N, C-alpha and C. Protein backbone atom coordinates (compact mmCIF):
# COMPACT_ATOMS: atom_id res chain seq x y z
N MET A 1 -26.68 5.83 11.56
CA MET A 1 -25.71 4.81 11.21
C MET A 1 -24.61 4.79 12.27
N PRO A 2 -24.30 3.62 12.85
CA PRO A 2 -23.29 3.55 13.91
C PRO A 2 -21.89 3.76 13.35
N ILE A 3 -21.04 4.31 14.17
CA ILE A 3 -19.64 4.51 13.79
C ILE A 3 -18.92 3.18 13.95
N GLN A 4 -18.19 2.77 12.91
CA GLN A 4 -17.45 1.51 12.96
C GLN A 4 -16.14 1.73 13.70
N ALA A 5 -15.87 0.86 14.66
CA ALA A 5 -14.65 0.96 15.45
C ALA A 5 -13.44 0.57 14.59
N GLN A 6 -12.33 1.21 14.84
CA GLN A 6 -11.07 0.88 14.17
C GLN A 6 -10.23 0.04 15.12
N TYR A 7 -10.00 -1.21 14.76
CA TYR A 7 -9.21 -2.10 15.58
C TYR A 7 -7.85 -2.33 14.94
N PRO A 8 -6.83 -2.57 15.76
CA PRO A 8 -5.52 -2.93 15.20
C PRO A 8 -5.62 -4.25 14.43
N LEU A 9 -4.70 -4.44 13.51
CA LEU A 9 -4.68 -5.65 12.69
C LEU A 9 -4.16 -6.84 13.48
N ALA A 10 -4.70 -8.01 13.19
CA ALA A 10 -4.20 -9.25 13.79
C ALA A 10 -2.97 -9.71 13.01
N VAL A 11 -2.06 -10.40 13.69
CA VAL A 11 -0.79 -10.79 13.07
C VAL A 11 -0.78 -12.22 12.52
N PHE A 12 -1.86 -12.96 12.68
CA PHE A 12 -1.82 -14.39 12.36
C PHE A 12 -2.17 -14.74 10.92
N HIS A 13 -2.52 -13.76 10.09
CA HIS A 13 -2.91 -14.05 8.71
C HIS A 13 -1.96 -13.32 7.77
N PHE A 14 -0.99 -14.07 7.21
CA PHE A 14 0.03 -13.45 6.37
C PHE A 14 0.51 -14.46 5.32
N SER A 15 1.22 -13.95 4.33
CA SER A 15 1.80 -14.82 3.31
C SER A 15 3.22 -14.35 3.01
N VAL A 16 4.05 -15.29 2.53
CA VAL A 16 5.44 -15.00 2.16
C VAL A 16 5.66 -15.52 0.75
N ASP A 17 6.11 -14.65 -0.14
CA ASP A 17 6.48 -15.04 -1.51
C ASP A 17 7.97 -14.79 -1.68
N TRP A 18 8.65 -15.77 -2.28
CA TRP A 18 10.06 -15.53 -2.60
C TRP A 18 10.37 -16.11 -3.97
N GLY A 19 10.91 -15.28 -4.78
CA GLY A 19 11.28 -15.70 -6.13
C GLY A 19 10.12 -16.25 -6.92
N GLY A 20 8.92 -15.73 -6.71
CA GLY A 20 7.76 -16.21 -7.45
C GLY A 20 7.08 -17.41 -6.83
N THR A 21 7.64 -17.95 -5.75
CA THR A 21 7.06 -19.11 -5.08
C THR A 21 6.47 -18.68 -3.75
N ARG A 22 5.23 -19.11 -3.47
CA ARG A 22 4.62 -18.82 -2.17
C ARG A 22 4.96 -19.97 -1.24
N VAL A 23 5.56 -19.65 -0.10
CA VAL A 23 5.97 -20.66 0.87
C VAL A 23 5.23 -20.38 2.17
N GLY A 24 4.66 -21.42 2.77
CA GLY A 24 3.91 -21.25 4.02
C GLY A 24 4.83 -21.23 5.21
N PHE A 25 4.78 -20.16 5.96
CA PHE A 25 5.57 -20.04 7.19
C PHE A 25 4.63 -19.81 8.36
N SER A 26 5.04 -20.26 9.55
CA SER A 26 4.23 -20.07 10.74
C SER A 26 4.63 -18.82 11.53
N GLU A 27 5.81 -18.28 11.22
CA GLU A 27 6.28 -17.12 11.97
C GLU A 27 7.28 -16.33 11.13
N VAL A 28 7.19 -15.01 11.21
CA VAL A 28 8.15 -14.10 10.58
C VAL A 28 8.56 -13.08 11.63
N SER A 29 9.86 -12.88 11.80
CA SER A 29 10.33 -11.86 12.74
C SER A 29 11.55 -11.15 12.16
N GLY A 30 11.83 -9.97 12.67
CA GLY A 30 12.99 -9.21 12.23
C GLY A 30 12.70 -8.18 11.15
N LEU A 31 11.44 -7.79 10.99
CA LEU A 31 11.09 -6.76 10.00
C LEU A 31 11.44 -5.39 10.58
N THR A 32 12.74 -5.18 10.78
CA THR A 32 13.23 -4.02 11.51
C THR A 32 14.22 -3.25 10.66
N GLN A 33 14.10 -1.94 10.70
CA GLN A 33 15.11 -1.07 10.12
C GLN A 33 15.35 0.09 11.07
N GLU A 34 16.55 0.60 11.05
CA GLU A 34 16.89 1.71 11.93
C GLU A 34 17.88 2.63 11.24
N ILE A 35 17.95 3.85 11.73
CA ILE A 35 18.95 4.81 11.27
C ILE A 35 19.98 4.93 12.39
N GLN A 36 21.21 4.65 12.07
CA GLN A 36 22.27 4.76 13.06
C GLN A 36 22.61 6.24 13.25
N ALA A 37 22.77 6.63 14.49
CA ALA A 37 23.12 8.02 14.79
C ALA A 37 24.63 8.22 14.73
N ILE A 38 25.04 9.36 14.18
CA ILE A 38 26.45 9.76 14.15
C ILE A 38 26.62 10.86 15.18
N GLU A 39 27.57 10.68 16.07
CA GLU A 39 27.85 11.72 17.05
C GLU A 39 29.07 12.51 16.59
N TYR A 40 28.97 13.84 16.73
CA TYR A 40 30.05 14.70 16.27
C TYR A 40 30.18 15.88 17.23
N ARG A 41 31.39 16.27 17.48
CA ARG A 41 31.62 17.46 18.28
C ARG A 41 32.85 18.17 17.76
N ASP A 42 32.68 19.42 17.40
CA ASP A 42 33.79 20.28 17.02
C ASP A 42 34.45 20.76 18.31
N GLY A 43 35.74 20.86 18.30
CA GLY A 43 36.48 21.26 19.49
C GLY A 43 36.12 22.66 19.98
N SER A 44 35.56 23.50 19.11
CA SER A 44 35.23 24.87 19.53
C SER A 44 33.79 25.03 19.97
N PHE A 45 33.02 23.92 20.03
CA PHE A 45 31.63 24.02 20.49
C PHE A 45 31.60 24.54 21.92
N PRO A 46 30.70 25.49 22.20
CA PRO A 46 30.63 25.99 23.58
C PRO A 46 30.03 24.97 24.55
N GLU A 47 29.20 24.05 24.04
CA GLU A 47 28.64 23.00 24.90
C GLU A 47 29.64 21.86 25.00
N TYR A 48 29.62 21.21 26.14
CA TYR A 48 30.51 20.08 26.34
C TYR A 48 29.79 18.77 26.04
N SER A 49 29.14 18.75 24.89
CA SER A 49 28.47 17.53 24.44
C SER A 49 28.48 17.50 22.92
N SER A 50 28.21 16.35 22.36
CA SER A 50 28.23 16.21 20.91
C SER A 50 26.84 16.43 20.34
N ILE A 51 26.80 16.66 19.04
CA ILE A 51 25.52 16.72 18.34
C ILE A 51 25.30 15.38 17.68
N LYS A 52 24.07 15.08 17.34
CA LYS A 52 23.76 13.81 16.68
C LYS A 52 23.14 14.10 15.32
N MET A 53 23.59 13.30 14.34
CA MET A 53 23.11 13.43 12.97
C MET A 53 22.67 12.05 12.49
N PRO A 54 21.74 12.00 11.54
CA PRO A 54 21.36 10.69 10.99
C PRO A 54 22.50 10.12 10.16
N GLY A 55 22.70 8.82 10.31
CA GLY A 55 23.77 8.14 9.58
C GLY A 55 23.22 7.07 8.65
N LEU A 56 23.90 5.96 8.62
CA LEU A 56 23.54 4.88 7.72
C LEU A 56 22.26 4.17 8.17
N ARG A 57 21.52 3.67 7.21
CA ARG A 57 20.35 2.84 7.48
C ARG A 57 20.84 1.42 7.72
N LYS A 58 20.24 0.75 8.70
CA LYS A 58 20.64 -0.62 9.05
C LYS A 58 19.40 -1.50 9.07
N TYR A 59 19.51 -2.69 8.51
CA TYR A 59 18.41 -3.65 8.46
C TYR A 59 18.78 -4.88 9.28
N SER A 60 17.86 -5.34 10.09
CA SER A 60 18.06 -6.57 10.85
C SER A 60 17.86 -7.78 9.94
N ASN A 61 18.46 -8.90 10.32
CA ASN A 61 18.18 -10.14 9.62
C ASN A 61 16.74 -10.55 9.90
N ILE A 62 16.14 -11.22 8.96
CA ILE A 62 14.76 -11.68 9.08
C ILE A 62 14.79 -13.18 9.33
N THR A 63 13.99 -13.65 10.27
CA THR A 63 13.87 -15.07 10.57
C THR A 63 12.49 -15.56 10.17
N LEU A 64 12.45 -16.64 9.41
CA LEU A 64 11.21 -17.27 8.97
C LEU A 64 11.17 -18.69 9.53
N LYS A 65 10.03 -19.08 10.11
CA LYS A 65 9.88 -20.42 10.68
C LYS A 65 8.71 -21.13 10.02
N ARG A 66 8.87 -22.45 9.84
CA ARG A 66 7.80 -23.24 9.25
C ARG A 66 7.89 -24.68 9.72
N GLY A 67 6.77 -25.38 9.58
CA GLY A 67 6.73 -26.79 9.90
C GLY A 67 7.45 -27.60 8.83
N ILE A 68 8.14 -28.64 9.26
CA ILE A 68 8.88 -29.49 8.32
C ILE A 68 7.90 -30.43 7.63
N VAL A 69 8.04 -30.52 6.30
CA VAL A 69 7.21 -31.39 5.49
C VAL A 69 8.13 -32.42 4.82
N LYS A 70 7.71 -33.67 4.79
CA LYS A 70 8.50 -34.75 4.21
C LYS A 70 8.91 -34.41 2.78
N SER A 71 10.16 -34.65 2.45
CA SER A 71 10.74 -34.47 1.12
C SER A 71 10.82 -33.00 0.68
N ASP A 72 10.71 -32.06 1.61
CA ASP A 72 10.86 -30.65 1.27
C ASP A 72 12.11 -30.13 1.98
N ASN A 73 13.17 -29.97 1.21
CA ASN A 73 14.45 -29.53 1.76
C ASN A 73 14.86 -28.19 1.18
N GLU A 74 13.88 -27.34 0.83
CA GLU A 74 14.16 -26.10 0.10
C GLU A 74 15.04 -25.13 0.88
N LEU A 75 14.87 -25.03 2.19
CA LEU A 75 15.67 -24.09 2.96
C LEU A 75 17.15 -24.48 2.96
N PHE A 76 17.44 -25.75 3.21
CA PHE A 76 18.83 -26.21 3.18
C PHE A 76 19.40 -26.13 1.78
N ASN A 77 18.59 -26.40 0.77
CA ASN A 77 19.06 -26.29 -0.62
C ASN A 77 19.46 -24.86 -0.95
N TRP A 78 18.67 -23.88 -0.49
CA TRP A 78 19.02 -22.48 -0.75
C TRP A 78 20.31 -22.11 -0.04
N LEU A 79 20.47 -22.55 1.21
CA LEU A 79 21.70 -22.27 1.96
C LEU A 79 22.92 -22.88 1.26
N SER A 80 22.75 -24.04 0.66
CA SER A 80 23.88 -24.70 0.00
C SER A 80 24.32 -23.98 -1.28
N THR A 81 23.53 -23.04 -1.79
CA THR A 81 23.94 -22.28 -2.97
C THR A 81 24.92 -21.16 -2.63
N VAL A 82 25.10 -20.87 -1.34
CA VAL A 82 25.99 -19.78 -0.94
C VAL A 82 27.44 -20.21 -1.10
N ARG A 83 28.16 -19.45 -1.88
CA ARG A 83 29.60 -19.63 -2.07
C ARG A 83 30.23 -18.26 -1.87
N LEU A 84 31.52 -18.22 -1.66
CA LEU A 84 32.21 -16.96 -1.44
C LEU A 84 31.94 -16.00 -2.59
N ASN A 85 31.30 -14.89 -2.30
CA ASN A 85 30.95 -13.85 -3.26
C ASN A 85 30.03 -14.30 -4.38
N LYS A 86 29.46 -15.49 -4.27
CA LYS A 86 28.48 -15.97 -5.25
C LYS A 86 27.27 -16.46 -4.46
N ILE A 87 26.22 -15.67 -4.49
CA ILE A 87 25.07 -15.94 -3.66
C ILE A 87 23.82 -15.89 -4.51
N GLU A 88 22.93 -16.86 -4.33
CA GLU A 88 21.63 -16.81 -4.99
C GLU A 88 20.74 -15.89 -4.16
N ARG A 89 20.54 -14.68 -4.64
CA ARG A 89 19.72 -13.71 -3.93
C ARG A 89 18.27 -13.80 -4.41
N ARG A 90 17.36 -13.56 -3.50
CA ARG A 90 15.94 -13.57 -3.84
C ARG A 90 15.27 -12.34 -3.23
N ASP A 91 14.29 -11.82 -3.93
CA ASP A 91 13.44 -10.77 -3.39
C ASP A 91 12.26 -11.44 -2.72
N LEU A 92 11.93 -11.00 -1.52
CA LEU A 92 10.82 -11.56 -0.77
C LEU A 92 9.72 -10.52 -0.63
N THR A 93 8.49 -10.99 -0.60
CA THR A 93 7.34 -10.14 -0.33
C THR A 93 6.56 -10.78 0.81
N ILE A 94 6.41 -10.04 1.89
CA ILE A 94 5.69 -10.51 3.07
C ILE A 94 4.45 -9.64 3.20
N LYS A 95 3.28 -10.28 3.20
CA LYS A 95 2.02 -9.54 3.22
C LYS A 95 1.21 -9.88 4.46
N LEU A 96 0.76 -8.86 5.15
CA LEU A 96 -0.21 -9.01 6.23
C LEU A 96 -1.58 -8.93 5.58
N LEU A 97 -2.42 -9.94 5.80
CA LEU A 97 -3.69 -10.05 5.08
C LEU A 97 -4.89 -9.76 5.98
N ASP A 98 -5.98 -9.29 5.35
CA ASP A 98 -7.23 -9.10 6.07
C ASP A 98 -8.06 -10.39 5.98
N GLU A 99 -9.28 -10.36 6.52
CA GLU A 99 -10.11 -11.58 6.55
C GLU A 99 -10.54 -12.04 5.17
N ASP A 100 -10.43 -11.17 4.15
CA ASP A 100 -10.75 -11.55 2.77
C ASP A 100 -9.51 -11.93 1.99
N HIS A 101 -8.38 -12.12 2.66
CA HIS A 101 -7.10 -12.51 2.08
C HIS A 101 -6.48 -11.42 1.21
N ASN A 102 -6.88 -10.17 1.42
CA ASN A 102 -6.30 -9.04 0.69
C ASN A 102 -5.16 -8.44 1.51
N PRO A 103 -4.07 -8.05 0.84
CA PRO A 103 -2.96 -7.44 1.60
C PRO A 103 -3.34 -6.08 2.18
N VAL A 104 -3.01 -5.90 3.45
CA VAL A 104 -3.25 -4.65 4.15
C VAL A 104 -1.93 -3.89 4.31
N MET A 105 -0.87 -4.65 4.50
CA MET A 105 0.47 -4.09 4.65
C MET A 105 1.44 -5.05 3.99
N THR A 106 2.43 -4.52 3.26
CA THR A 106 3.37 -5.37 2.52
C THR A 106 4.79 -4.92 2.80
N TRP A 107 5.65 -5.88 3.12
CA TRP A 107 7.07 -5.63 3.29
C TRP A 107 7.79 -6.24 2.09
N GLN A 108 8.53 -5.42 1.36
CA GLN A 108 9.30 -5.91 0.22
C GLN A 108 10.76 -5.95 0.63
N VAL A 109 11.33 -7.14 0.56
CA VAL A 109 12.70 -7.38 1.01
C VAL A 109 13.57 -7.55 -0.22
N ALA A 110 14.65 -6.77 -0.31
CA ALA A 110 15.49 -6.75 -1.50
C ALA A 110 16.76 -7.57 -1.33
N ARG A 111 17.05 -8.37 -2.35
CA ARG A 111 18.31 -9.09 -2.49
C ARG A 111 18.68 -9.91 -1.25
N ALA A 112 17.77 -10.75 -0.81
CA ALA A 112 17.97 -11.57 0.40
C ALA A 112 18.78 -12.82 0.09
N PHE A 113 19.52 -13.28 1.08
CA PHE A 113 20.23 -14.56 0.98
C PHE A 113 20.31 -15.19 2.36
N PRO A 114 20.37 -16.52 2.43
CA PRO A 114 20.37 -17.20 3.73
C PRO A 114 21.72 -17.11 4.43
N VAL A 115 21.67 -16.93 5.75
CA VAL A 115 22.89 -16.95 6.55
C VAL A 115 22.85 -18.07 7.60
N LYS A 116 21.64 -18.62 7.83
CA LYS A 116 21.53 -19.67 8.84
C LYS A 116 20.24 -20.45 8.61
N VAL A 117 20.34 -21.76 8.65
CA VAL A 117 19.17 -22.64 8.65
C VAL A 117 19.28 -23.51 9.88
N GLU A 118 18.17 -23.58 10.64
CA GLU A 118 18.18 -24.35 11.88
C GLU A 118 17.09 -25.40 11.84
N GLY A 119 17.47 -26.64 12.15
CA GLY A 119 16.51 -27.73 12.19
C GLY A 119 15.70 -27.70 13.48
N PRO A 120 14.80 -28.67 13.64
CA PRO A 120 13.92 -28.68 14.82
C PRO A 120 14.66 -29.12 16.08
N GLN A 121 14.08 -28.79 17.22
CA GLN A 121 14.56 -29.31 18.50
C GLN A 121 13.82 -30.62 18.73
N LEU A 122 14.56 -31.70 18.72
CA LEU A 122 13.96 -33.03 18.88
C LEU A 122 13.87 -33.39 20.35
N LYS A 123 12.69 -33.87 20.76
CA LYS A 123 12.47 -34.21 22.16
C LYS A 123 11.48 -35.37 22.21
N ALA A 124 11.86 -36.48 22.83
CA ALA A 124 11.05 -37.69 22.83
C ALA A 124 9.69 -37.50 23.48
N SER A 125 9.56 -36.59 24.43
CA SER A 125 8.28 -36.41 25.12
C SER A 125 7.47 -35.22 24.59
N ALA A 126 7.91 -34.62 23.51
CA ALA A 126 7.23 -33.43 22.98
C ALA A 126 5.98 -33.82 22.19
N ASN A 127 5.01 -32.93 22.18
CA ASN A 127 3.77 -33.12 21.44
C ASN A 127 3.53 -31.86 20.62
N GLU A 128 4.38 -31.66 19.61
CA GLU A 128 4.31 -30.45 18.80
C GLU A 128 4.87 -30.71 17.40
N VAL A 129 4.67 -29.77 16.53
CA VAL A 129 5.13 -29.87 15.14
C VAL A 129 6.64 -29.61 15.08
N ALA A 130 7.34 -30.33 14.20
CA ALA A 130 8.77 -30.09 13.97
C ALA A 130 8.90 -28.80 13.16
N ILE A 131 9.62 -27.83 13.71
CA ILE A 131 9.77 -26.51 13.09
C ILE A 131 11.21 -26.30 12.67
N GLU A 132 11.39 -25.80 11.44
CA GLU A 132 12.71 -25.38 10.98
C GLU A 132 12.67 -23.88 10.75
N SER A 133 13.84 -23.25 10.81
CA SER A 133 13.88 -21.80 10.60
C SER A 133 15.02 -21.44 9.67
N ILE A 134 14.86 -20.31 9.00
CA ILE A 134 15.90 -19.77 8.15
C ILE A 134 16.08 -18.30 8.52
N GLU A 135 17.32 -17.90 8.65
CA GLU A 135 17.65 -16.50 8.90
C GLU A 135 18.26 -15.94 7.63
N ILE A 136 17.72 -14.81 7.19
CA ILE A 136 18.21 -14.24 5.94
C ILE A 136 18.71 -12.81 6.17
N ALA A 137 19.79 -12.49 5.48
CA ALA A 137 20.29 -11.11 5.42
C ALA A 137 19.75 -10.51 4.14
N HIS A 138 19.67 -9.20 4.10
CA HIS A 138 19.13 -8.53 2.91
C HIS A 138 19.67 -7.12 2.81
N GLU A 139 19.35 -6.45 1.70
CA GLU A 139 19.89 -5.12 1.44
C GLU A 139 18.82 -4.05 1.37
N GLY A 140 17.62 -4.32 1.86
CA GLY A 140 16.62 -3.29 1.85
C GLY A 140 15.26 -3.81 2.24
N LEU A 141 14.49 -2.95 2.93
CA LEU A 141 13.16 -3.30 3.40
C LEU A 141 12.26 -2.10 3.15
N THR A 142 11.27 -2.30 2.29
CA THR A 142 10.31 -1.25 1.96
C THR A 142 8.95 -1.67 2.47
N VAL A 143 8.23 -0.74 3.10
CA VAL A 143 6.90 -1.02 3.63
C VAL A 143 5.87 -0.28 2.77
N VAL A 144 4.85 -1.03 2.32
CA VAL A 144 3.77 -0.46 1.52
C VAL A 144 2.46 -0.76 2.23
N THR A 145 1.63 0.25 2.42
CA THR A 145 0.32 0.04 3.02
C THR A 145 -0.75 0.17 1.96
N SER A 146 -1.82 -0.58 2.12
CA SER A 146 -2.92 -0.55 1.16
C SER A 146 -4.01 0.38 1.61
């Protein structure tokens, strides 16, 4: 029996769910988290350098892009719900899918809200789909593998 090769996953087959609604996007970016380093040095340290310790966890904003569809203004509508200290937050689930549409890797985004919606770049000589994007801030990113 031949040994089956292990190939990296392709990035082009994914789904995005938010608040129970599945929305089709053409691109997702910003699935990033980092631990900020804290530098510290006691005045009596014999070395003339600081030590580094793990600090706060930091999450990047996530950007979602999709083609504009007539009479679908959901991204701008969500942005318009933002008021000072009153925000409609949504939990998002982003799934990387295999060829059978089963999730292979899942990113769970906690308490997201929009911070920017950008319309398409209009150009008279362009031959492409009109794309809009939404940038969202959030309070947590969990990765689950299947």
